[in-house]
Amino acid sequence: MKIMTNSYKTIIVISCMGFIQSTAQAVDWVITPGVVVAETYLDNVTLADNNKLDDFVTEVNPTLRITRNSRGLTVLANYQMQNTLYADESDFNDTYHSFDGYVSANVIKDLFFVDLNGTYGQQNISSLGAMATNNLNVTGNRTNVSSARIKPYVDYNIKRYANLNAGVELGTVRYDRGLNDSDLTRYNFDLTSGPKFNRMNWAVNFYRNEIDYDQRPDSILQRSLLTLGYQASRKIRLLATGGYDDNSFITGPTISDGTSGSSWSVGAEWKISPLTSLEASFGERYYGKTGSFLFTKRGRRTSLSLSYLEDITVSSANQFGVNLFQTTDQFGGAIDPIDAGGNDTDPGSTPPTANSDLSDASISSEFYVRKRLQGGVQFTTAKTTLSLDAYKEDRDYQISGLTEKVTGAYGSVNWRISARTTAILSGSWINRKYRTGTDEDDIYNVRAYITHLLRKNLTGLIGYGYLERDSNIAGSDYKQNAGRISLRWTYR
């Protein structure tokens, strides 16, 4: 059954437009236009193993940022039109649009809310093909991807006894290149205990995701969960959960566990100090034993994070709520501006934080169980920030029964040379063992660049990038050197 018809989509668009127009009359908006002019040299435009093409690429990219933050309304929207002009290969000339918009409105004070979110950008299609980090490389392995969602919901405090959050979310994900589009309808009901239950707390949670695919039978993810917590001491809280997964999606003959079943877990939260905490649990779901933990430590100069999670997901579901113009990492450190298109330093390239992450799974409607271990450390002084992150992720696919393993690390040094000048060196490594069991890649990415504030609204950048893929798949090796210079102007 078609979950989101064209009429539904029209209603969403009209509602968004009407809402924005009505609120525009009542509040002040901060509108910041800008433009980026850039010149980039690439010595391997198509990321080819042989017969490499080198070229200069000129960009003239208008940008627009709209923000509003008030008690009843939050608005954040970023847009970039990236125009790429190749000196020799004029057939590669193109225009790419990137958009990330979010609106949250308290329609009825402290009771009824509406969230709107939309994204549009570019993404690699298959991890087996040439994997670009931006739109300047022409690989034939990229697609436009758009997502939109609207979520009306109730969030109500029942005096000091409980909090109720319940709503419905309608969303859609669309790709080019004949890929499998999908529509999402999500229901949630969350009832959690209030301050009256300070010793023994509880929560009742229910969600149901209905995903309608264009080229595959519909899928359902549904989970009911009861959580009980007990404050054993001032620093330790004990937790126990019980629930049931009632899912419906395609699985292969090698998946013997089915898609539904009961679940349980036990764990604890330990508040070691005001800035240090540890959460851990273990249990079982229908696909086997499971566990999670999260350790965080924040200090004046040093921050640490270590986490492990397991969940079931699908690539289209990961498009919702994505921030294409994110400018900071998990610790608040700056993201590489050569790749982080649309940020306040240099939006010359396609935003990688959502759509150009080389560790992402290939676009597919096949569900997979995700098991991710991740850790990071950040050290900060008056002028220098040092960050190091590492992760290991296993993806157990539910049709093929095969597992993809991805391991990676990322490090950066951010040095504020002066009040106007910053130098950044970053590097990453990704190892991917494909589901075939024999194919394997190593991808290396190094960046070095300097930004300088020429005037209060004019920033210059000069940088160098190196990208290498070492693969045992025939014809998949490539290397690229890139040099870039850019100017970003914003109206202030």
Protein backbone atom coordinates (compact mmCIF):
# COMPACT_ATOMS: atom_id res chain seq x y z
CA MET A 1 0.00 0.00 0.00
CA LYS A 2 1.31 3.45 -0.89
CA ILE A 3 1.94 5.22 2.41
CA MET A 4 2.65 8.68 1.05
CA THR A 5 0.66 9.63 -2.05
CA ASN A 6 1.29 12.69 -4.18
CA SER A 7 -1.57 14.39 -2.33
CA TYR A 8 0.22 13.76 0.95
CA LYS A 9 3.40 15.32 -0.43
CA THR A 10 1.48 18.33 -1.70
CA ILE A 11 -0.06 18.83 1.74
CA ILE A 12 3.39 18.75 3.32
CA VAL A 13 4.82 21.32 0.90
CA ILE A 14 1.82 23.66 1.22
CA SER A 15 1.87 23.32 5.02
CA CYS A 16 5.58 24.19 5.13
CA MET A 17 5.15 27.21 2.86
CA GLY A 18 2.12 28.46 4.71
CA PHE A 19 3.77 28.00 8.08
CA ILE A 20 6.92 29.87 7.05
CA GLN A 21 4.93 32.70 5.47
CA SER A 22 2.74 33.15 8.53
CA THR A 23 5.64 33.15 10.97
CA ALA A 24 7.65 35.53 8.79
CA GLN A 25 5.08 38.22 9.60
CA ALA A 26 5.48 37.78 13.32
CA VAL A 27 9.20 37.40 13.92
CA ASP A 28 12.50 38.82 12.75
CA TRP A 29 14.72 36.68 10.57
CA VAL A 30 18.50 36.72 10.16
CA ILE A 31 19.21 36.31 6.44
CA THR A 32 22.86 35.99 5.41
CA PRO A 33 23.67 35.76 1.70
CA GLY A 34 27.18 35.01 0.49
CA VAL A 35 29.29 33.75 -2.36
CA VAL A 36 32.35 31.52 -2.72
CA VAL A 37 34.79 31.87 -5.59
CA ALA A 38 37.29 29.01 -5.85
CA GLU A 39 39.87 27.49 -8.16
CA THR A 40 40.89 23.84 -7.75
CA TYR A 41 43.44 21.74 -9.60
CA LEU A 42 42.82 17.97 -9.74
CA ASP A 43 45.30 15.55 -11.31
CA ASN A 44 42.72 12.72 -11.51
CA VAL A 45 39.27 14.19 -12.13
CA THR A 46 37.55 10.84 -12.78
CA LEU A 47 39.42 8.90 -10.05
CA ALA A 48 40.66 6.44 -12.66
CA ASP A 49 43.29 3.74 -12.31
CA ASN A 50 44.67 4.50 -15.79
CA ASN A 51 44.16 7.24 -18.41
CA LYS A 52 43.96 9.97 -15.81
CA LEU A 53 42.49 13.37 -16.64
CA ASP A 54 43.81 16.49 -14.94
CA ASP A 55 41.99 19.80 -15.00
CA PHE A 56 41.39 23.16 -13.35
CA VAL A 57 37.90 23.69 -11.93
CA THR A 58 36.45 27.15 -11.34
CA GLU A 59 33.54 27.60 -8.93
CA VAL A 60 31.19 30.51 -8.31
CA ASN A 61 28.85 29.37 -5.55
CA PRO A 62 26.10 31.59 -4.11
CA THR A 63 25.11 30.70 -0.54
CA LEU A 64 22.22 31.64 1.72
CA ARG A 65 21.71 31.11 5.44
CA ILE A 66 18.46 31.84 7.28
CA THR A 67 18.12 31.56 11.06
CA ARG A 68 15.61 32.37 13.76
CA ASN A 69 15.70 31.33 17.40
CA SER A 70 12.89 32.42 19.68
CA ARG A 71 10.89 30.83 22.48
CA GLY A 72 8.29 29.30 20.18
CA LEU A 73 10.17 29.04 16.92
CA THR A 74 13.53 27.74 15.75
CA VAL A 75 14.55 28.02 12.11
CA LEU A 76 17.84 27.02 10.50
CA ALA A 77 18.26 26.81 6.73
CA ASN A 78 21.39 26.64 4.57
CA TYR A 79 21.51 26.63 0.79
CA GLN A 80 24.34 26.49 -1.72
CA MET A 81 24.35 26.46 -5.51
CA GLN A 82 27.66 24.97 -6.61
CA ASN A 83 28.62 25.83 -10.20
CA THR A 84 31.59 23.84 -11.54
CA LEU A 85 33.39 24.99 -14.70
CA TYR A 86 36.20 22.77 -16.07
CA ALA A 87 38.97 24.42 -18.10
CA ASP A 88 39.49 21.49 -20.51
CA GLU A 89 36.63 19.04 -19.96
CA SER A 90 33.71 21.41 -20.51
CA ASP A 91 31.34 18.44 -20.83
CA PHE A 92 31.80 18.02 -17.06
CA ASN A 93 30.42 21.50 -16.30
CA ASP A 94 27.47 21.24 -13.96
CA THR A 95 25.42 22.85 -11.19
CA TYR A 96 24.76 21.13 -7.86
CA HIS A 97 22.29 22.23 -5.22
CA SER A 98 22.69 21.59 -1.48
CA PHE A 99 20.01 22.42 1.07
CA ASP A 100 19.48 21.69 4.73
CA GLY A 101 16.45 23.17 6.47
CA TYR A 102 14.96 22.68 9.91
CA VAL A 103 11.93 24.32 11.55
CA SER A 104 10.58 23.57 15.02
CA ALA A 105 7.46 25.38 16.23
CA ASN A 106 5.59 25.33 19.53
CA VAL A 107 2.09 25.76 18.05
CA ILE A 108 0.21 25.41 21.36
CA LYS A 109 2.36 26.55 24.27
CA ASP A 110 4.08 23.64 26.03
CA LEU A 111 1.72 21.11 24.42
CA PHE A 112 1.65 20.81 20.63
CA PHE A 113 4.70 21.05 18.38
CA VAL A 114 5.50 20.68 14.69
CA ASP A 115 8.96 19.83 13.32
CA LEU A 116 9.84 20.19 9.64
CA ASN A 117 13.06 19.02 8.03
CA GLY A 118 14.33 18.86 4.47
CA THR A 119 17.67 18.05 2.84
CA TYR A 120 19.03 17.93 -0.69
CA GLY A 121 22.56 16.97 -1.69
CA GLN A 122 24.78 14.48 -3.46
CA GLN A 123 26.00 11.06 -2.36
CA ASN A 124 28.09 8.15 -3.55
CA ILE A 125 25.95 5.26 -4.77
CA SER A 126 28.10 2.16 -4.33
CA SER A 127 31.18 1.58 -2.20
CA LEU A 128 32.44 -0.72 -4.96
CA GLY A 129 32.74 2.22 -7.38
CA ALA A 130 35.04 5.24 -7.30
CA MET A 131 34.31 7.08 -4.04
CA ALA A 132 34.52 10.87 -4.31
CA THR A 133 34.51 13.23 -1.33
CA ASN A 134 32.94 16.08 -3.29
CA ASN A 135 31.27 17.05 -6.56
CA LEU A 136 34.46 18.07 -8.35
CA ASN A 137 35.32 14.47 -9.19
CA VAL A 138 33.20 13.08 -12.04
CA THR A 139 32.87 9.34 -11.36
CA GLY A 140 29.41 8.25 -12.54
CA ASN A 141 28.95 6.87 -9.02
CA ARG A 142 27.02 9.75 -7.48
CA THR A 143 23.36 10.68 -7.24
CA ASN A 144 21.20 13.50 -5.96
CA VAL A 145 19.37 12.55 -2.79
CA SER A 146 16.55 14.47 -1.13
CA SER A 147 14.60 13.91 2.04
CA ALA A 148 11.66 15.71 3.63
CA ARG A 149 9.64 15.08 6.76
CA ILE A 150 6.93 16.66 8.88
CA LYS A 151 6.27 15.62 12.46
CA PRO A 152 3.37 16.97 14.52
CA TYR A 153 3.53 15.76 18.11
CA VAL A 154 2.32 16.32 21.66
CA ASP A 155 4.83 16.87 24.46
CA TYR A 156 3.03 17.32 27.78
CA ASN A 157 4.09 17.21 31.41
CA ILE A 158 1.45 15.52 33.55
CA LYS A 159 2.21 17.66 36.59
CA ARG A 160 5.28 16.08 38.22
CA TYR A 161 4.20 12.50 37.63
CA ALA A 162 5.02 11.83 33.98
CA ASN A 163 5.86 13.25 30.57
CA LEU A 164 3.95 12.24 27.44
CA ASN A 165 5.44 12.49 23.96
CA ALA A 166 3.38 11.11 21.09
CA GLY A 167 3.23 11.91 17.41
CA VAL A 168 3.27 10.81 13.81
CA GLU A 169 5.97 11.52 11.25
CA LEU A 170 5.61 11.52 7.47
CA GLY A 171 8.78 11.43 5.41
CA THR A 172 10.09 10.73 1.95
CA VAL A 173 13.51 9.93 0.44
CA ARG A 174 14.15 10.36 -3.28
CA TYR A 175 17.19 9.43 -5.37
CA ASP A 176 18.14 9.95 -9.00
CA ARG A 177 19.62 7.30 -11.27
CA GLY A 178 16.68 4.89 -10.91
CA LEU A 179 17.46 3.97 -7.30
CA ASN A 180 14.85 2.70 -4.85
CA ASP A 181 12.84 5.64 -3.46
CA SER A 182 10.93 5.24 -0.21
CA ASP A 183 8.25 6.87 1.95
CA LEU A 184 8.13 6.64 5.72
CA THR A 185 5.30 6.81 8.22
CA ARG A 186 6.45 6.68 11.83
CA TYR A 187 4.32 6.55 14.98
CA ASN A 188 5.75 7.03 18.47
CA PHE A 189 4.33 6.94 21.99
CA ASP A 190 6.65 7.65 24.91
CA LEU A 191 5.49 7.94 28.51
CA THR A 192 8.25 8.55 31.07
CA SER A 193 8.14 9.08 34.80
CA GLY A 194 8.48 12.57 36.26
CA PRO A 195 10.35 14.04 39.25
CA LYS A 196 7.87 12.46 41.69
CA PHE A 197 9.56 9.14 40.97
CA ASN A 198 13.04 10.12 42.08
CA ARG A 199 14.04 6.72 43.46
CA MET A 200 12.28 4.37 41.06
CA ASN A 201 11.75 5.66 37.54
CA TRP A 202 10.06 4.04 34.55
CA ALA A 203 9.33 4.52 30.84
CA VAL A 204 6.93 3.01 28.32
CA ASN A 205 8.01 3.35 24.67
CA PHE A 206 6.42 2.31 21.40
CA TYR A 207 7.35 3.08 17.83
CA ARG A 208 6.28 1.78 14.45
CA ASN A 209 8.08 2.59 11.19
CA GLU A 210 6.26 1.77 7.96
CA ILE A 211 8.54 2.05 4.91
CA ASP A 212 7.03 1.94 1.44
CA TYR A 213 9.53 1.21 -1.35
CA ASP A 214 9.05 1.79 -5.06
CA GLN A 215 10.86 -1.38 -6.10
CA ARG A 216 10.52 -3.73 -3.12
CA PRO A 217 7.75 -4.93 -0.78
CA ASP A 218 6.90 -2.66 2.13
CA SER A 219 8.77 -3.06 5.41
CA ILE A 220 7.76 -2.52 9.04
CA LEU A 221 9.92 -1.93 12.11
CA GLN A 222 7.91 -1.98 15.34
CA ARG A 223 9.13 -2.12 18.93
CA SER A 224 7.48 -1.96 22.34
CA LEU A 225 9.66 -1.41 25.39
CA LEU A 226 9.26 -1.09 29.16
CA THR A 227 12.18 0.38 31.14
CA LEU A 228 12.59 0.35 34.92
CA GLY A 229 15.29 2.25 36.78
CA TYR A 230 16.34 2.21 40.42
CA GLN A 231 18.60 4.80 42.07
CA ALA A 232 20.82 2.47 44.08
CA SER A 233 23.06 5.27 45.34
CA ARG A 234 23.84 8.90 44.69
CA LYS A 235 26.01 7.95 41.69
CA ILE A 236 24.60 4.62 40.46
CA ARG A 237 21.28 3.90 38.77
CA LEU A 238 20.30 0.32 37.84
CA LEU A 239 18.30 -0.30 34.66
CA ALA A 240 16.25 -3.17 33.25
CA THR A 241 14.22 -3.35 30.04
CA GLY A 242 11.79 -5.80 28.51
CA GLY A 243 10.05 -5.59 25.18
CA TYR A 244 9.07 -7.07 21.86
CA ASP A 245 10.16 -6.48 18.26
CA ASP A 246 7.45 -7.06 15.67
CA ASN A 247 9.12 -6.47 12.30
CA SER A 248 8.35 -7.37 8.72
CA PHE A 249 11.03 -7.12 6.04
CA ILE A 250 12.69 -9.39 3.49
CA THR A 251 15.33 -11.78 4.80
CA GLY A 252 17.43 -14.40 3.08
CA PRO A 253 17.50 -18.17 3.62
CA THR A 254 20.61 -17.95 5.80
CA ILE A 255 18.84 -15.73 8.38
CA SER A 256 17.30 -18.25 10.78
CA ASP A 257 16.38 -15.88 13.63
CA GLY A 258 13.37 -14.33 11.88
CA THR A 259 12.46 -10.67 12.21
CA SER A 260 10.45 -10.63 15.46
CA GLY A 261 10.85 -11.71 19.05
CA SER A 262 11.12 -10.66 22.68
CA SER A 263 13.97 -8.56 24.04
CA TRP A 264 15.51 -7.79 27.41
CA SER A 265 18.49 -6.00 28.87
CA VAL A 266 20.02 -5.12 32.23
CA GLY A 267 22.53 -2.38 32.89
CA ALA A 268 23.61 0.57 34.97
CA GLU A 269 24.46 4.26 34.80
CA TRP A 270 27.44 5.41 36.88
CA LYS A 271 27.95 9.14 37.44
CA ILE A 272 31.63 8.91 38.30
CA SER A 273 32.02 12.67 38.64
CA PRO A 274 30.18 15.78 37.43
CA LEU A 275 32.12 15.54 34.13
CA THR A 276 32.59 11.77 33.83
CA SER A 277 29.94 9.09 33.32
CA LEU A 278 29.60 5.48 32.23
CA GLU A 279 26.51 3.67 30.92
CA ALA A 280 26.53 -0.05 30.07
CA SER A 281 24.00 -2.80 29.36
CA PHE A 282 23.77 -6.29 27.95
CA GLY A 283 20.81 -8.37 26.85
CA GLU A 284 19.19 -10.12 23.92
CA ARG A 285 17.03 -9.25 20.92
CA TYR A 286 15.52 -11.45 18.23
CA TYR A 287 18.78 -11.47 16.23
CA GLY A 288 20.97 -12.55 19.15
CA LYS A 289 22.83 -11.24 22.16
CA THR A 290 23.27 -7.49 22.28
CA GLY A 291 24.92 -4.82 24.36
CA SER A 292 25.80 -1.15 24.58
CA PHE A 293 27.99 1.21 26.54
CA LEU A 294 28.90 4.87 26.60
CA PHE A 295 31.81 6.45 28.47
CA THR A 296 32.35 10.20 28.42
CA LYS A 297 34.86 12.37 30.22
CA ARG A 298 35.14 16.11 29.78
CA GLY A 299 37.86 18.27 31.24
CA ARG A 300 39.17 21.78 30.82
CA ARG A 301 41.58 20.65 28.09
CA THR A 302 40.82 16.99 27.39
CA SER A 303 37.66 15.19 26.30
CA LEU A 304 37.26 11.42 25.94
CA SER A 305 34.46 9.35 24.45
CA LEU A 306 34.04 5.60 23.96
CA SER A 307 30.81 3.94 22.83
CA TYR A 308 29.33 0.74 21.45
CA LEU A 309 25.86 0.28 19.97
CA GLU A 310 23.82 -2.31 18.11
CA ASP A 311 20.69 -1.67 16.09
CA ILE A 312 18.92 -2.59 12.89
CA THR A 313 18.67 -0.01 10.12
CA VAL A 314 18.46 0.60 6.36
CA SER A 315 20.27 3.22 4.28
CA SER A 316 17.16 5.30 3.44
CA ALA A 317 16.33 5.71 7.14
CA ASN A 318 19.73 7.33 7.69
CA GLN A 319 18.82 10.28 5.44
CA PHE A 320 16.34 11.80 7.90
CA GLY A 321 17.56 14.49 10.25
CA VAL A 322 20.97 14.67 8.58
CA ASN A 323 22.85 17.97 8.97
CA LEU A 324 24.56 18.57 5.61
CA PHE A 325 26.23 21.78 6.78
CA GLN A 326 27.60 20.52 10.09
CA THR A 327 30.78 22.38 11.05
CA THR A 328 31.87 20.59 14.22
CA ASP A 329 32.63 17.04 15.27
CA GLN A 330 31.36 15.18 18.34
CA PHE A 331 33.56 17.32 20.60
CA GLY A 332 32.80 20.64 18.95
CA GLY A 333 36.00 20.69 16.90
CA ALA A 334 36.08 22.15 13.39
CA ILE A 335 35.40 19.85 10.44
CA ASP A 336 37.73 20.03 7.44
CA PRO A 337 36.48 23.05 5.41
CA ILE A 338 37.85 21.69 2.13
CA ASP A 339 35.24 18.95 2.36
CA ALA A 340 32.64 20.50 4.66
CA GLY A 341 30.90 22.51 1.98
CA GLY A 342 28.47 25.13 3.18
CA ASN A 343 30.11 25.83 6.50
CA ASP A 344 31.28 29.24 7.66
CA THR A 345 34.84 28.69 6.47
CA ASP A 346 34.54 27.53 2.90
CA PRO A 347 31.53 25.89 1.26
CA GLY A 348 33.32 25.15 -1.97
CA SER A 349 32.75 21.43 -1.98
CA THR A 350 29.82 19.14 -1.37
CA PRO A 351 29.08 18.64 2.34
CA PRO A 352 30.67 15.32 3.37
CA THR A 353 29.22 15.02 6.85
CA ALA A 354 26.12 13.36 5.45
CA ASN A 355 26.57 12.58 1.79
CA SER A 356 30.26 11.99 1.15
CA ASP A 357 31.36 9.88 4.10
CA LEU A 358 33.51 7.19 2.47
CA SER A 359 32.64 4.72 5.25
CA ASP A 360 28.89 4.82 4.51
CA ALA A 361 27.05 1.71 3.34
CA SER A 362 26.06 1.53 -0.32
CA ILE A 363 22.56 2.80 -1.13
CA SER A 364 20.27 -0.20 -0.69
CA SER A 365 16.86 -1.18 0.64
CA GLU A 366 18.35 -4.21 2.39
CA PHE A 367 18.16 -4.06 6.19
CA TYR A 368 21.29 -4.73 8.22
CA VAL A 369 22.22 -5.13 11.87
CA ARG A 370 24.77 -2.47 12.72
CA LYS A 371 27.38 -3.05 15.43
CA ARG A 372 29.63 -0.03 15.97
CA LEU A 373 32.51 0.55 18.39
CA GLN A 374 33.79 4.12 18.40
CA GLY A 375 36.20 6.15 20.47
CA GLY A 376 37.63 9.64 20.40
CA VAL A 377 39.91 12.00 22.27
CA GLN A 378 40.38 15.74 21.97
CA PHE A 379 43.07 17.88 23.55
CA THR A 380 42.78 21.66 23.52
CA THR A 381 45.20 24.44 24.41
CA ALA A 382 44.88 28.19 23.97
CA LYS A 383 45.77 27.98 20.26
CA THR A 384 45.76 24.31 19.30
CA THR A 385 43.13 21.57 19.13
CA LEU A 386 44.19 17.96 18.57
CA SER A 387 41.50 15.37 17.76
CA LEU A 388 41.70 11.64 17.16
CA ASP A 389 38.77 9.31 16.43
CA ALA A 390 38.65 5.60 15.60
CA TYR A 391 35.81 3.17 14.91
CA LYS A 392 34.97 -0.38 13.90
CA GLU A 393 31.59 -1.23 12.39
CA ASP A 394 30.15 -4.59 11.33
CA ARG A 395 27.06 -4.69 9.10
CA ASP A 396 25.17 -8.00 9.05
CA TYR A 397 22.90 -7.87 5.98
CA GLN A 398 19.54 -9.59 6.36
CA ILE A 399 18.98 -10.86 2.80
CA SER A 400 22.41 -12.04 1.73
CA GLY A 401 23.39 -13.14 5.23
CA LEU A 402 26.84 -11.65 4.60
CA THR A 403 28.81 -9.20 6.73
CA GLU A 404 30.64 -6.04 5.73
CA LYS A 405 33.39 -4.83 8.07
CA VAL A 406 34.56 -1.21 8.14
CA THR A 407 37.42 0.07 10.29
CA GLY A 408 38.67 3.63 10.29
CA ALA A 409 40.51 6.44 12.03
CA TYR A 410 40.55 10.21 11.71
CA GLY A 411 42.92 12.75 13.19
CA SER A 412 43.34 16.50 12.93
CA VAL A 413 45.43 19.34 14.31
CA ASN A 414 43.88 22.81 14.36
CA TRP A 415 46.40 25.58 15.04
CA ARG A 416 45.25 29.17 15.49
CA ILE A 417 48.34 30.99 14.30
CA SER A 418 46.84 34.40 14.98
CA ALA A 419 43.47 36.01 15.55
CA ARG A 420 42.88 35.95 11.78
CA THR A 421 44.83 32.90 10.61
CA THR A 422 44.26 29.18 11.23
CA ALA A 423 46.17 26.16 9.91
CA ILE A 424 44.65 22.67 9.89
CA LEU A 425 46.19 19.30 9.09
CA SER A 426 43.91 16.27 8.94
CA GLY A 427 44.11 12.67 7.82
CA SER A 428 41.85 9.64 7.68
CA TRP A 429 42.13 5.93 6.92
CA ILE A 430 39.31 3.53 6.10
CA ASN A 431 39.57 -0.23 5.64
CA ARG A 432 36.52 -1.94 4.16
CA LYS A 433 36.09 -5.71 3.88
CA TYR A 434 33.18 -6.23 1.50
CA ARG A 435 30.33 -8.71 1.79
CA THR A 436 31.92 -10.84 -0.92
CA GLY A 437 34.43 -12.05 1.64
CA THR A 438 37.38 -11.52 -0.73
CA ASP A 439 37.23 -7.86 -1.82
CA GLU A 440 38.98 -5.29 0.36
CA ASP A 441 39.85 -1.57 0.20
CA ASP A 442 42.07 0.87 2.03
CA ILE A 443 41.31 4.56 1.52
CA TYR A 444 43.68 7.31 2.66
CA ASN A 445 42.72 10.98 2.74
CA VAL A 446 45.10 13.78 3.82
CA ARG A 447 44.31 17.51 3.96
CA ALA A 448 46.44 20.55 4.79
CA TYR A 449 45.18 24.12 4.50
CA ILE A 450 45.33 27.62 5.90
CA THR A 451 42.44 30.04 6.30
CA HIS A 452 42.86 33.77 6.78
CA LEU A 453 40.25 36.38 7.67
CA LEU A 454 41.02 39.15 5.19
CA ARG A 455 38.16 41.34 6.38
CA LYS A 456 35.31 40.82 8.79
CA ASN A 457 33.19 39.31 6.01
CA LEU A 458 35.88 37.96 3.66
CA THR A 459 37.82 34.73 4.27
CA GLY A 460 40.55 33.23 2.11
CA LEU A 461 41.70 29.62 1.97
CA ILE A 462 44.62 27.82 0.36
CA GLY A 463 44.96 24.07 0.71
CA TYR A 464 46.20 20.73 -0.54
CA GLY A 465 44.49 17.34 -0.54
CA TYR A 466 45.61 13.79 -1.26
CA LEU A 467 43.23 10.86 -1.83
CA GLU A 468 44.28 7.24 -2.44
CA ARG A 469 42.40 3.98 -2.76
CA ASP A 470 44.31 0.70 -2.56
CA SER A 471 41.99 -2.15 -3.59
CA ASN A 472 42.25 -5.78 -4.62
CA ILE A 473 39.28 -5.20 -6.96
CA ALA A 474 40.60 -4.98 -10.52
CA GLY A 475 40.73 -1.41 -11.84
CA SER A 476 39.66 0.18 -8.54
CA ASP A 477 42.98 1.68 -7.44
CA TYR A 478 43.40 5.43 -7.79
CA LYS A 479 45.40 8.36 -6.46
CA GLN A 480 44.66 12.06 -6.61
CA ASN A 481 46.43 15.28 -5.66
CA ALA A 482 44.38 18.46 -5.36
CA GLY A 483 45.26 22.09 -4.76
CA ARG A 484 42.66 24.70 -3.90
CA ILE A 485 42.39 28.43 -3.34
CA SER A 486 39.13 30.18 -2.48
CA LEU A 487 37.51 33.35 -1.21
CA ARG A 488 34.29 33.41 0.78
CA TRP A 489 32.27 36.60 1.18
CA THR A 490 29.24 36.92 3.46
CA TYR A 491 26.94 39.88 3.91
CA ARG A 492 27.10 41.22 7.45
